[in-house]
Amino acid sequence: DVTLVWSVTSGKRLLLADGQEVHYSNSRSAVLDFSWTMRGNHVLKVVAHATAPMTAEPGFRQYDFYVDGRSFFSFPKVYRLGLTGNK
């Protein structure tokens, strides 16, 4: 369970993993980009933008979560697990 609490007004950002604080900062930067290592040497990374751009380029995500360098959005969907030839 990964939770991001971000006040874009005050700039306070808190990142929790399994209920434990892994990052806290107070910055008015429009982008949060933070990575850390979890049990089993898995590298987790959160990239979040305070707001979506007025004209987003194709493939832009306001937020993304990476596990060992692979985007959460590229993981197989639960309903596809066990099917042959899933991508």
C-alpha atoms as a PDB file:
ATOM      1  CA  ASP A   1       0.000   0.000   0.000  1.00  0.00           C
ATOM      2  CA  VAL A   2       1.552   3.302  -1.124  1.00  0.00           C
ATOM      3  CA  THR A   3      -0.128   6.583  -0.174  1.00  0.00           C
ATOM      4  CA  LEU A   4       0.806  10.078  -1.306  1.00  0.00           C
ATOM      5  CA  VAL A   5      -0.586  13.034   0.649  1.00  0.00           C
ATOM      6  CA  TRP A   6       0.234  16.295  -1.108  1.00  0.00           C
ATOM      7  CA  SER A   7      -1.003  19.750  -0.233  1.00  0.00           C
ATOM      8  CA  VAL A   8      -0.392  21.810  -3.339  1.00  0.00           C
ATOM      9  CA  THR A   9      -1.287  24.904  -1.299  1.00  0.00           C
ATOM     10  CA  SER A  10       1.331  24.508   1.451  1.00  0.00           C
ATOM     11  CA  GLY A  11       3.753  22.291  -0.484  1.00  0.00           C
ATOM     12  CA  LYS A  12       3.824  19.582   2.196  1.00  0.00           C
ATOM     13  CA  ARG A  13       4.283  16.105   0.722  1.00  0.00           C
ATOM     14  CA  LEU A  14       4.130  12.840   2.639  1.00  0.00           C
ATOM     15  CA  LEU A  15       4.731   9.435   1.098  1.00  0.00           C
ATOM     16  CA  LEU A  16       3.794   6.290   3.048  1.00  0.00           C
ATOM     17  CA  ALA A  17       4.578   2.681   2.175  1.00  0.00           C
ATOM     18  CA  ASP A  18       2.734   0.046   4.204  1.00  0.00           C
ATOM     19  CA  GLY A  19       1.810   2.799   6.668  1.00  0.00           C
ATOM     20  CA  GLN A  20       5.441   3.832   7.260  1.00  0.00           C
ATOM     21  CA  GLU A  21       6.766   7.238   6.251  1.00  0.00           C
ATOM     22  CA  VAL A  22       9.345   6.917   3.471  1.00  0.00           C
ATOM     23  CA  HIS A  23       9.459  10.568   2.395  1.00  0.00           C
ATOM     24  CA  TYR A  24       8.466  13.963   3.711  1.00  0.00           C
ATOM     25  CA  SER A  25       9.234  17.295   2.116  1.00  0.00           C
ATOM     26  CA  ASN A  26       7.950  20.826   2.045  1.00  0.00           C
ATOM     27  CA  SER A  27       8.464  22.251  -1.415  1.00  0.00           C
ATOM     28  CA  ARG A  28       6.336  24.204  -3.843  1.00  0.00           C
ATOM     29  CA  SER A  29       7.897  22.330  -6.746  1.00  0.00           C
ATOM     30  CA  ALA A  30       5.266  21.157  -9.233  1.00  0.00           C
ATOM     31  CA  VAL A  31       6.804  17.668  -9.519  1.00  0.00           C
ATOM     32  CA  LEU A  32       7.459  14.958  -6.948  1.00  0.00           C
ATOM     33  CA  ASP A  33       9.974  12.338  -8.075  1.00  0.00           C
ATOM     34  CA  PHE A  34      11.066  10.001  -5.294  1.00  0.00           C
ATOM     35  CA  SER A  35      12.384   6.432  -5.210  1.00  0.00           C
ATOM     36  CA  TRP A  36      13.252   4.063  -2.376  1.00  0.00           C
ATOM     37  CA  THR A  37      14.166   0.432  -1.822  1.00  0.00           C
ATOM     38  CA  MET A  38      11.766  -1.999  -0.134  1.00  0.00           C
ATOM     39  CA  ARG A  39      12.187  -5.517   1.206  1.00  0.00           C
ATOM     40  CA  GLY A  40      13.589  -7.926  -1.322  1.00  0.00           C
ATOM     41  CA  ASN A  41      15.666  -5.145  -2.945  1.00  0.00           C
ATOM     42  CA  HIS A  42      12.691  -3.903  -4.981  1.00  0.00           C
ATOM     43  CA  VAL A  43      13.070  -0.297  -6.071  1.00  0.00           C
ATOM     44  CA  LEU A  44       9.828   1.684  -5.940  1.00  0.00           C
ATOM     45  CA  LYS A  45       9.385   5.111  -7.483  1.00  0.00           C
ATOM     46  CA  VAL A  46       6.600   7.691  -7.488  1.00  0.00           C
ATOM     47  CA  VAL A  47       6.424  10.465 -10.063  1.00  0.00           C
ATOM     48  CA  ALA A  48       3.571  12.941  -9.601  1.00  0.00           C
ATOM     49  CA  HIS A  49       2.736  16.314 -11.112  1.00  0.00           C
ATOM     50  CA  ALA A  50       0.728  18.886  -9.131  1.00  0.00           C
ATOM     51  CA  THR A  51      -1.432  19.664 -12.150  1.00  0.00           C
ATOM     52  CA  ALA A  52      -1.907  18.307 -15.618  1.00  0.00           C
ATOM     53  CA  PRO A  53      -0.484  20.516 -18.385  1.00  0.00           C
ATOM     54  CA  MET A  54      -2.893  22.554 -20.506  1.00  0.00           C
ATOM     55  CA  THR A  55      -1.839  20.533 -23.558  1.00  0.00           C
ATOM     56  CA  ALA A  56      -0.613  17.117 -22.489  1.00  0.00           C
ATOM     57  CA  GLU A  57       1.562  15.121 -24.833  1.00  0.00           C
ATOM     58  CA  PRO A  58       0.375  11.595 -25.682  1.00  0.00           C
ATOM     59  CA  GLY A  59       1.163   9.126 -22.921  1.00  0.00           C
ATOM     60  CA  PHE A  60       1.441  11.806 -20.222  1.00  0.00           C
ATOM     61  CA  ARG A  61       0.310  10.690 -16.766  1.00  0.00           C
ATOM     62  CA  GLN A  62      -0.260  13.071 -13.898  1.00  0.00           C
ATOM     63  CA  TYR A  63       1.067  10.352 -11.624  1.00  0.00           C
ATOM     64  CA  ASP A  64       2.895   7.049 -12.065  1.00  0.00           C
ATOM     65  CA  PHE A  65       4.226   4.333  -9.808  1.00  0.00           C
ATOM     66  CA  TYR A  66       7.186   2.179 -10.813  1.00  0.00           C
ATOM     67  CA  VAL A  67       8.291  -1.190  -9.447  1.00  0.00           C
ATOM     68  CA  ASP A  68      11.826  -2.146 -10.449  1.00  0.00           C
ATOM     69  CA  GLY A  69      11.651   0.373 -13.295  1.00  0.00           C
ATOM     70  CA  ARG A  70       8.340  -0.891 -14.712  1.00  0.00           C
ATOM     71  CA  SER A  71       5.278   1.355 -14.685  1.00  0.00           C
ATOM     72  CA  PHE A  72       2.277   0.126 -12.722  1.00  0.00           C
ATOM     73  CA  PHE A  73       0.134   0.874 -15.775  1.00  0.00           C
ATOM     74  CA  SER A  74       2.097  -1.652 -17.855  1.00  0.00           C
ATOM     75  CA  PHE A  75       1.478  -4.535 -15.425  1.00  0.00           C
ATOM     76  CA  PRO A  76      -1.036  -7.220 -16.461  1.00  0.00           C
ATOM     77  CA  LYS A  77      -4.596  -6.505 -15.379  1.00  0.00           C
ATOM     78  CA  VAL A  78      -6.060  -8.882 -12.783  1.00  0.00           C
ATOM     79  CA  TYR A  79      -8.738 -10.073 -15.201  1.00  0.00           C
ATOM     80  CA  ARG A  80      -5.973 -11.045 -17.690  1.00  0.00           C
ATOM     81  CA  LEU A  81      -3.898 -13.145 -15.279  1.00  0.00           C
ATOM     82  CA  GLY A  82      -3.745 -16.788 -16.305  1.00  0.00           C
ATOM     83  CA  LEU A  83      -4.751 -16.126 -19.916  1.00  0.00           C
ATOM     84  CA  THR A  84      -2.399 -17.356 -22.595  1.00  0.00           C
ATOM     85  CA  GLY A  85      -0.528 -14.814 -24.650  1.00  0.00           C
ATOM     86  CA  ASN A  86      -1.220 -11.922 -22.259  1.00  0.00           C
ATOM     87  CA  LYS A  87       0.916  -8.823 -22.724  1.00  0.00           C
END
